[in-house]
Amino acid sequence: MSRRSLRTLLAAGGAAAVMALLPASAVAAPHSGGNYGAYGMEGQYPTISSCSGTFRQVGGTRHADGMALKYFYSDKCGSFARIEKSRTNCAAVLERSNNGVGRADGWVSETVDPGINYAYTMIGNNLHGRVSRALLACDGHVLAATGWY
């Protein structure tokens, strides 16, 4: 996947464009936008007891600049994005479409904490006809993306 400029992202809208405008933080924190949080399970991490162990990786691992992007799904809880071997100023992003057409209506992101090289997002509810996808974004550019599932 080719790198997209901030101008292209801003013109296209979506989570990555908003992320590019967020200040860098010493401690990772989730960010969200659109109508994220409108559906059950959103705002929870995939490690909560009712979801733990129900996720499976869907699609292949995507790679960019030595980093890895993975998409996980649970038919009980929804989905989340995970990045691994990441450098600083990168984030895992999960975009969710509430009508199944593959256009982001809500999104959540998580940046890499200092001292570690991975991050994962909170759950996105892509159950009941909704779809979602994972993105790896660094320094305001989308470096890798999965398909919509």
N, C-alpha and C. Protein backbone atom coordinates (compact mmCIF):
# COMPACT_ATOMS: atom_id res chain seq x y z
N MET A 1 0.85 -1.17 0.00
CA MET A 1 0.00 0.00 0.00
C MET A 1 0.89 1.24 0.00
N SER A 2 0.58 2.20 -0.81
CA SER A 2 1.39 3.41 -0.87
C SER A 2 1.07 4.33 0.30
N ARG A 3 2.01 5.16 0.65
CA ARG A 3 1.80 6.13 1.72
C ARG A 3 0.91 7.24 1.19
N ARG A 4 0.05 7.71 2.07
CA ARG A 4 -0.82 8.80 1.69
C ARG A 4 -0.38 10.06 2.42
N SER A 5 -0.47 11.19 1.77
CA SER A 5 -0.09 12.45 2.41
C SER A 5 -1.19 12.93 3.33
N LEU A 6 -0.86 13.83 4.24
CA LEU A 6 -1.85 14.40 5.13
C LEU A 6 -2.94 15.11 4.34
N ARG A 7 -2.57 15.78 3.27
CA ARG A 7 -3.57 16.47 2.44
C ARG A 7 -4.58 15.46 1.89
N THR A 8 -4.11 14.32 1.40
CA THR A 8 -5.01 13.30 0.87
C THR A 8 -5.91 12.77 1.98
N LEU A 9 -5.33 12.53 3.16
CA LEU A 9 -6.12 12.03 4.27
C LEU A 9 -7.18 13.03 4.69
N LEU A 10 -6.83 14.30 4.76
CA LEU A 10 -7.80 15.31 5.14
C LEU A 10 -8.92 15.41 4.12
N ALA A 11 -8.57 15.29 2.84
CA ALA A 11 -9.59 15.34 1.80
C ALA A 11 -10.51 14.14 1.88
N ALA A 12 -9.96 12.99 2.22
CA ALA A 12 -10.74 11.76 2.27
C ALA A 12 -11.47 11.59 3.60
N GLY A 13 -11.05 12.30 4.63
CA GLY A 13 -11.66 12.15 5.95
C GLY A 13 -11.16 10.88 6.61
N GLY A 14 -11.75 10.51 7.73
CA GLY A 14 -11.41 9.25 8.38
C GLY A 14 -10.50 9.43 9.57
N ALA A 15 -10.27 8.34 10.24
CA ALA A 15 -9.54 8.33 11.49
C ALA A 15 -8.11 8.79 11.35
N ALA A 16 -7.43 8.35 10.32
CA ALA A 16 -6.01 8.67 10.20
C ALA A 16 -5.79 10.17 10.07
N ALA A 17 -6.69 10.85 9.37
CA ALA A 17 -6.55 12.30 9.23
C ALA A 17 -6.69 12.99 10.57
N VAL A 18 -7.64 12.55 11.36
CA VAL A 18 -7.82 13.13 12.67
C VAL A 18 -6.62 12.83 13.55
N MET A 19 -6.10 11.60 13.47
CA MET A 19 -4.95 11.22 14.27
C MET A 19 -3.75 12.10 13.99
N ALA A 20 -3.58 12.51 12.76
CA ALA A 20 -2.44 13.33 12.39
C ALA A 20 -2.46 14.66 13.12
N LEU A 21 -3.64 15.09 13.53
CA LEU A 21 -3.77 16.37 14.20
C LEU A 21 -3.65 16.27 15.71
N LEU A 22 -3.63 15.05 16.24
CA LEU A 22 -3.55 14.86 17.68
C LEU A 22 -2.13 15.12 18.17
N PRO A 23 -1.99 15.73 19.34
CA PRO A 23 -0.65 15.97 19.86
C PRO A 23 0.02 14.67 20.28
N ALA A 24 1.34 14.64 20.16
CA ALA A 24 2.09 13.48 20.64
C ALA A 24 2.00 13.48 22.15
N SER A 25 1.93 12.32 22.74
CA SER A 25 1.76 12.21 24.17
C SER A 25 2.84 11.31 24.75
N ALA A 26 3.26 11.59 25.97
CA ALA A 26 4.27 10.75 26.61
C ALA A 26 3.68 9.41 27.01
N VAL A 27 2.39 9.36 27.26
CA VAL A 27 1.72 8.12 27.63
C VAL A 27 0.61 7.88 26.62
N ALA A 28 0.55 6.66 26.12
CA ALA A 28 -0.45 6.32 25.12
C ALA A 28 -1.84 6.48 25.72
N ALA A 29 -2.75 6.86 24.87
CA ALA A 29 -4.14 7.00 25.29
C ALA A 29 -5.02 6.75 24.08
N PRO A 30 -6.19 6.16 24.32
CA PRO A 30 -7.09 5.95 23.19
C PRO A 30 -7.71 7.27 22.75
N HIS A 31 -7.96 7.36 21.47
CA HIS A 31 -8.68 8.49 20.90
C HIS A 31 -9.78 7.89 20.05
N SER A 32 -10.88 8.60 19.91
CA SER A 32 -11.96 8.08 19.09
C SER A 32 -12.71 9.24 18.47
N GLY A 33 -13.53 8.92 17.48
CA GLY A 33 -14.30 9.95 16.82
C GLY A 33 -15.47 9.37 16.06
N GLY A 34 -16.18 10.27 15.39
CA GLY A 34 -17.39 9.85 14.70
C GLY A 34 -18.40 9.36 15.72
N ASN A 35 -19.11 8.29 15.38
CA ASN A 35 -20.09 7.76 16.33
C ASN A 35 -19.56 6.55 17.11
N TYR A 36 -18.22 6.48 17.26
CA TYR A 36 -17.65 5.40 18.05
C TYR A 36 -18.22 5.47 19.46
N GLY A 37 -18.59 4.33 19.99
CA GLY A 37 -19.21 4.26 21.31
C GLY A 37 -20.71 4.10 21.25
N ALA A 38 -21.27 4.15 20.05
CA ALA A 38 -22.72 4.06 19.89
C ALA A 38 -23.26 2.66 20.08
N TYR A 39 -22.40 1.64 20.00
CA TYR A 39 -22.85 0.25 20.06
C TYR A 39 -22.21 -0.47 21.24
N GLY A 40 -22.87 -1.52 21.69
CA GLY A 40 -22.38 -2.32 22.81
C GLY A 40 -20.96 -2.80 22.59
N MET A 41 -20.21 -2.94 23.62
CA MET A 41 -18.82 -3.39 23.68
C MET A 41 -17.82 -2.29 23.31
N GLU A 42 -18.24 -1.27 22.61
CA GLU A 42 -17.30 -0.20 22.24
C GLU A 42 -16.89 0.56 23.49
N GLY A 43 -15.62 0.90 23.57
CA GLY A 43 -15.07 1.54 24.75
C GLY A 43 -14.45 0.55 25.72
N GLN A 44 -14.52 -0.74 25.40
CA GLN A 44 -13.92 -1.79 26.22
C GLN A 44 -12.70 -2.36 25.49
N TYR A 45 -11.71 -2.78 26.25
CA TYR A 45 -10.57 -3.47 25.64
C TYR A 45 -10.89 -4.95 25.45
N PRO A 46 -10.25 -5.59 24.48
CA PRO A 46 -10.55 -7.00 24.21
C PRO A 46 -10.15 -7.95 25.33
N THR A 47 -9.48 -7.44 26.34
CA THR A 47 -9.05 -8.27 27.46
C THR A 47 -10.12 -8.41 28.54
N ILE A 48 -11.27 -7.75 28.39
CA ILE A 48 -12.31 -7.89 29.41
C ILE A 48 -12.75 -9.35 29.49
N SER A 49 -13.14 -9.78 30.64
CA SER A 49 -13.37 -11.20 30.88
C SER A 49 -14.43 -11.80 29.96
N SER A 50 -15.47 -11.07 29.63
CA SER A 50 -16.53 -11.63 28.79
C SER A 50 -16.07 -11.85 27.34
N CYS A 51 -14.97 -11.23 26.94
CA CYS A 51 -14.47 -11.37 25.56
C CYS A 51 -13.15 -12.13 25.48
N SER A 52 -12.44 -12.22 26.57
CA SER A 52 -11.12 -12.84 26.57
C SER A 52 -11.18 -14.25 25.98
N GLY A 53 -10.28 -14.52 25.03
CA GLY A 53 -10.21 -15.84 24.41
C GLY A 53 -11.17 -16.06 23.27
N THR A 54 -11.99 -15.07 22.92
CA THR A 54 -12.97 -15.26 21.84
C THR A 54 -12.51 -14.70 20.51
N PHE A 55 -11.38 -13.98 20.48
CA PHE A 55 -10.92 -13.33 19.25
C PHE A 55 -10.02 -14.25 18.44
N ARG A 56 -10.10 -14.13 17.12
CA ARG A 56 -9.21 -14.84 16.21
C ARG A 56 -8.75 -13.85 15.14
N GLN A 57 -7.54 -14.06 14.65
CA GLN A 57 -7.04 -13.19 13.60
C GLN A 57 -7.76 -13.50 12.30
N VAL A 58 -8.18 -12.45 11.60
CA VAL A 58 -8.85 -12.57 10.31
C VAL A 58 -7.96 -11.91 9.28
N GLY A 59 -7.77 -12.57 8.15
CA GLY A 59 -6.89 -12.03 7.12
C GLY A 59 -5.44 -12.16 7.53
N GLY A 60 -4.58 -11.92 6.59
CA GLY A 60 -3.15 -12.02 6.86
C GLY A 60 -2.60 -10.80 7.56
N THR A 61 -1.44 -10.97 8.14
CA THR A 61 -0.74 -9.85 8.76
C THR A 61 -0.23 -8.93 7.65
N ARG A 62 -0.45 -7.65 7.79
CA ARG A 62 0.07 -6.65 6.84
C ARG A 62 1.35 -6.09 7.41
N HIS A 63 2.32 -5.80 6.53
CA HIS A 63 3.61 -5.29 6.97
C HIS A 63 3.92 -3.96 6.29
N ALA A 64 4.59 -3.09 7.03
CA ALA A 64 5.07 -1.81 6.49
C ALA A 64 6.27 -1.37 7.31
N ASP A 65 7.36 -1.07 6.66
CA ASP A 65 8.58 -0.58 7.33
C ASP A 65 8.99 -1.45 8.51
N GLY A 66 8.85 -2.78 8.37
CA GLY A 66 9.24 -3.70 9.42
C GLY A 66 8.22 -3.84 10.54
N MET A 67 7.11 -3.12 10.47
CA MET A 67 6.05 -3.19 11.48
C MET A 67 4.95 -4.12 10.98
N ALA A 68 4.14 -4.61 11.90
CA ALA A 68 3.07 -5.54 11.56
C ALA A 68 1.72 -4.99 12.00
N LEU A 69 0.70 -5.23 11.19
CA LEU A 69 -0.68 -4.86 11.49
C LEU A 69 -1.53 -6.12 11.45
N LYS A 70 -2.33 -6.32 12.49
CA LYS A 70 -3.21 -7.49 12.57
C LYS A 70 -4.62 -7.05 12.93
N TYR A 71 -5.59 -7.81 12.41
CA TYR A 71 -7.01 -7.55 12.66
C TYR A 71 -7.60 -8.79 13.34
N PHE A 72 -8.28 -8.57 14.46
CA PHE A 72 -8.88 -9.66 15.21
C PHE A 72 -10.39 -9.48 15.31
N TYR A 73 -11.11 -10.60 15.27
CA TYR A 73 -12.57 -10.58 15.29
C TYR A 73 -13.12 -11.63 16.24
N SER A 74 -14.22 -11.30 16.88
CA SER A 74 -14.98 -12.23 17.72
C SER A 74 -16.45 -12.07 17.35
N ASP A 75 -17.13 -13.18 17.05
CA ASP A 75 -18.55 -13.07 16.72
C ASP A 75 -19.40 -12.79 17.95
N LYS A 76 -18.76 -12.74 19.10
CA LYS A 76 -19.44 -12.40 20.35
C LYS A 76 -19.24 -10.93 20.71
N CYS A 77 -18.04 -10.39 20.41
CA CYS A 77 -17.68 -9.07 20.93
C CYS A 77 -17.40 -8.00 19.87
N GLY A 78 -16.97 -8.36 18.68
CA GLY A 78 -16.61 -7.38 17.66
C GLY A 78 -15.18 -7.56 17.21
N SER A 79 -14.44 -6.45 17.06
CA SER A 79 -13.09 -6.53 16.50
C SER A 79 -12.16 -5.52 17.15
N PHE A 80 -10.87 -5.73 16.92
CA PHE A 80 -9.86 -4.76 17.34
C PHE A 80 -8.65 -4.87 16.43
N ALA A 81 -7.84 -3.81 16.42
CA ALA A 81 -6.61 -3.75 15.62
C ALA A 81 -5.41 -3.83 16.55
N ARG A 82 -4.34 -4.45 16.07
CA ARG A 82 -3.10 -4.55 16.85
C ARG A 82 -1.92 -4.28 15.93
N ILE A 83 -0.96 -3.48 16.42
CA ILE A 83 0.30 -3.28 15.70
C ILE A 83 1.42 -3.85 16.55
N GLU A 84 2.44 -4.37 15.87
CA GLU A 84 3.59 -4.97 16.55
C GLU A 84 4.88 -4.50 15.88
N LYS A 85 5.98 -4.58 16.63
CA LYS A 85 7.29 -4.14 16.16
C LYS A 85 7.23 -2.69 15.68
N SER A 86 6.44 -1.90 16.37
CA SER A 86 6.18 -0.53 15.96
C SER A 86 7.20 0.45 16.53
N ARG A 87 7.40 1.52 15.81
CA ARG A 87 8.22 2.62 16.30
C ARG A 87 7.30 3.64 16.97
N THR A 88 7.88 4.64 17.58
CA THR A 88 7.08 5.69 18.21
C THR A 88 6.37 6.50 17.14
N ASN A 89 5.41 7.28 17.53
CA ASN A 89 4.57 8.10 16.65
C ASN A 89 3.72 7.25 15.71
N CYS A 90 3.43 6.02 16.12
CA CYS A 90 2.56 5.16 15.34
C CYS A 90 1.34 4.78 16.18
N ALA A 91 0.27 4.42 15.49
CA ALA A 91 -0.96 4.04 16.18
C ALA A 91 -1.68 2.92 15.45
N ALA A 92 -2.32 2.08 16.24
CA ALA A 92 -3.27 1.11 15.71
C ALA A 92 -4.61 1.83 15.63
N VAL A 93 -5.31 1.67 14.52
CA VAL A 93 -6.59 2.33 14.31
C VAL A 93 -7.60 1.28 13.88
N LEU A 94 -8.80 1.37 14.43
CA LEU A 94 -9.91 0.54 13.98
C LEU A 94 -10.99 1.48 13.49
N GLU A 95 -11.35 1.35 12.22
CA GLU A 95 -12.46 2.12 11.65
C GLU A 95 -13.67 1.20 11.57
N ARG A 96 -14.86 1.73 11.90
CA ARG A 96 -16.09 0.95 11.85
C ARG A 96 -17.13 1.67 11.00
N SER A 97 -17.81 0.90 10.17
CA SER A 97 -18.90 1.43 9.35
C SER A 97 -20.20 0.87 9.89
N ASN A 98 -21.13 1.74 10.22
CA ASN A 98 -22.35 1.25 10.85
C ASN A 98 -23.38 0.69 9.88
N ASN A 99 -23.14 0.83 8.57
CA ASN A 99 -24.12 0.31 7.62
C ASN A 99 -23.55 -0.72 6.66
N GLY A 100 -22.32 -1.16 6.88
CA GLY A 100 -21.75 -2.23 6.08
C GLY A 100 -21.19 -1.82 4.73
N VAL A 101 -21.16 -0.52 4.41
CA VAL A 101 -20.68 -0.10 3.09
C VAL A 101 -19.18 0.15 3.04
N GLY A 102 -18.49 0.04 4.15
CA GLY A 102 -17.06 0.24 4.15
C GLY A 102 -16.64 1.69 4.09
N ARG A 103 -17.39 2.55 4.75
CA ARG A 103 -17.04 3.96 4.90
C ARG A 103 -17.09 4.25 6.40
N ALA A 104 -15.99 4.73 6.94
CA ALA A 104 -15.88 4.88 8.40
C ALA A 104 -16.88 5.88 8.95
N ASP A 105 -17.68 5.42 9.91
CA ASP A 105 -18.61 6.28 10.64
C ASP A 105 -18.09 6.53 12.05
N GLY A 106 -17.26 5.61 12.54
CA GLY A 106 -16.67 5.74 13.86
C GLY A 106 -15.29 5.12 13.85
N TRP A 107 -14.42 5.58 14.74
CA TRP A 107 -13.06 5.05 14.79
C TRP A 107 -12.50 5.17 16.19
N VAL A 108 -11.52 4.33 16.48
CA VAL A 108 -10.80 4.38 17.73
C VAL A 108 -9.33 4.08 17.43
N SER A 109 -8.42 4.73 18.13
CA SER A 109 -6.99 4.51 17.91
C SER A 109 -6.28 4.38 19.24
N GLU A 110 -5.11 3.78 19.17
CA GLU A 110 -4.27 3.64 20.36
C GLU A 110 -2.83 3.79 19.91
N THR A 111 -2.10 4.66 20.57
CA THR A 111 -0.70 4.89 20.24
C THR A 111 0.18 3.92 21.02
N VAL A 112 1.43 3.85 20.61
CA VAL A 112 2.40 2.96 21.24
C VAL A 112 2.92 3.61 22.53
N ASP A 113 2.85 2.87 23.63
CA ASP A 113 3.37 3.37 24.91
C ASP A 113 4.89 3.46 24.87
N PRO A 114 5.48 4.41 25.59
CA PRO A 114 6.94 4.48 25.68
C PRO A 114 7.49 3.17 26.26
N GLY A 115 8.57 2.70 25.67
CA GLY A 115 9.23 1.51 26.17
C GLY A 115 8.72 0.19 25.64
N ILE A 116 7.62 0.21 24.87
CA ILE A 116 7.13 -1.02 24.24
C ILE A 116 6.97 -0.77 22.75
N ASN A 117 6.74 -1.83 21.99
CA ASN A 117 6.66 -1.67 20.54
C ASN A 117 5.38 -2.23 19.94
N TYR A 118 4.30 -2.22 20.73
CA TYR A 118 3.02 -2.69 20.22
C TYR A 118 1.90 -1.84 20.81
N ALA A 119 0.72 -1.94 20.20
CA ALA A 119 -0.47 -1.28 20.72
C ALA A 119 -1.68 -2.01 20.15
N TYR A 120 -2.78 -1.97 20.88
CA TYR A 120 -4.03 -2.51 20.34
C TYR A 120 -5.17 -1.61 20.76
N THR A 121 -6.20 -1.59 19.93
CA THR A 121 -7.32 -0.69 20.14
C THR A 121 -8.36 -1.31 21.07
N MET A 122 -9.30 -0.46 21.46
CA MET A 122 -10.50 -0.95 22.12
C MET A 122 -11.35 -1.64 21.05
N ILE A 123 -12.38 -2.30 21.49
CA ILE A 123 -13.26 -3.06 20.61
C ILE A 123 -14.12 -2.13 19.76
N GLY A 124 -14.29 -2.51 18.49
CA GLY A 124 -15.27 -1.88 17.61
C GLY A 124 -16.36 -2.89 17.35
N ASN A 125 -17.60 -2.48 17.44
CA ASN A 125 -18.72 -3.40 17.26
C ASN A 125 -19.07 -3.49 15.78
N ASN A 126 -18.55 -4.51 15.12
CA ASN A 126 -18.88 -4.75 13.72
C ASN A 126 -19.79 -5.97 13.59
N LEU A 127 -20.68 -6.12 14.53
CA LEU A 127 -21.66 -7.19 14.51
C LEU A 127 -22.96 -6.69 13.87
N HIS A 128 -23.84 -7.58 13.47
CA HIS A 128 -25.17 -7.23 12.97
C HIS A 128 -25.12 -6.33 11.73
N GLY A 129 -24.28 -6.70 10.75
CA GLY A 129 -24.22 -5.98 9.48
C GLY A 129 -23.22 -4.84 9.42
N ARG A 130 -22.62 -4.49 10.56
CA ARG A 130 -21.60 -3.46 10.53
C ARG A 130 -20.27 -4.10 10.12
N VAL A 131 -19.34 -3.32 9.58
CA VAL A 131 -18.02 -3.82 9.19
C VAL A 131 -16.94 -2.92 9.79
N SER A 132 -15.72 -3.45 9.85
CA SER A 132 -14.60 -2.65 10.35
C SER A 132 -13.33 -3.07 9.63
N ARG A 133 -12.30 -2.24 9.80
CA ARG A 133 -10.98 -2.56 9.26
C ARG A 133 -9.92 -1.97 10.17
N ALA A 134 -8.70 -2.48 10.04
CA ALA A 134 -7.57 -2.02 10.85
C ALA A 134 -6.62 -1.20 9.99
N LEU A 135 -5.99 -0.20 10.62
CA LEU A 135 -5.00 0.65 9.96
C LEU A 135 -3.77 0.76 10.85
N LEU A 136 -2.62 0.88 10.22
CA LEU A 136 -1.37 1.24 10.89
C LEU A 136 -1.02 2.62 10.38
N ALA A 137 -0.99 3.59 11.28
CA ALA A 137 -0.70 4.98 10.88
C ALA A 137 0.49 5.48 11.68
N CYS A 138 1.42 6.14 10.99
CA CYS A 138 2.61 6.71 11.62
C CYS A 138 2.82 8.12 11.09
N ASP A 139 3.05 9.05 12.00
CA ASP A 139 3.35 10.43 11.63
C ASP A 139 2.33 11.01 10.65
N GLY A 140 1.05 10.65 10.83
CA GLY A 140 -0.01 11.19 9.99
C GLY A 140 -0.20 10.49 8.66
N HIS A 141 0.47 9.36 8.44
CA HIS A 141 0.35 8.63 7.19
C HIS A 141 -0.16 7.21 7.46
N VAL A 142 -1.08 6.74 6.65
CA VAL A 142 -1.51 5.35 6.72
C VAL A 142 -0.47 4.52 5.98
N LEU A 143 0.17 3.58 6.69
CA LEU A 143 1.19 2.75 6.08
C LEU A 143 0.66 1.39 5.67
N ALA A 144 -0.38 0.91 6.34
CA ALA A 144 -0.96 -0.39 6.00
C ALA A 144 -2.42 -0.40 6.44
N ALA A 145 -3.23 -1.19 5.73
CA ALA A 145 -4.65 -1.32 6.06
C ALA A 145 -5.10 -2.72 5.69
N THR A 146 -6.07 -3.22 6.44
CA THR A 146 -6.69 -4.49 6.11
C THR A 146 -7.94 -4.22 5.26
N GLY A 147 -8.54 -5.26 4.79
CA GLY A 147 -9.84 -5.12 4.13
C GLY A 147 -10.91 -4.88 5.17
N TRP A 148 -12.12 -4.61 4.69
CA TRP A 148 -13.29 -4.45 5.57
C TRP A 148 -13.85 -5.83 5.86
N TYR A 149 -14.10 -6.11 7.13
CA TYR A 149 -14.67 -7.39 7.55
C TYR A 149 -15.88 -7.13 8.42
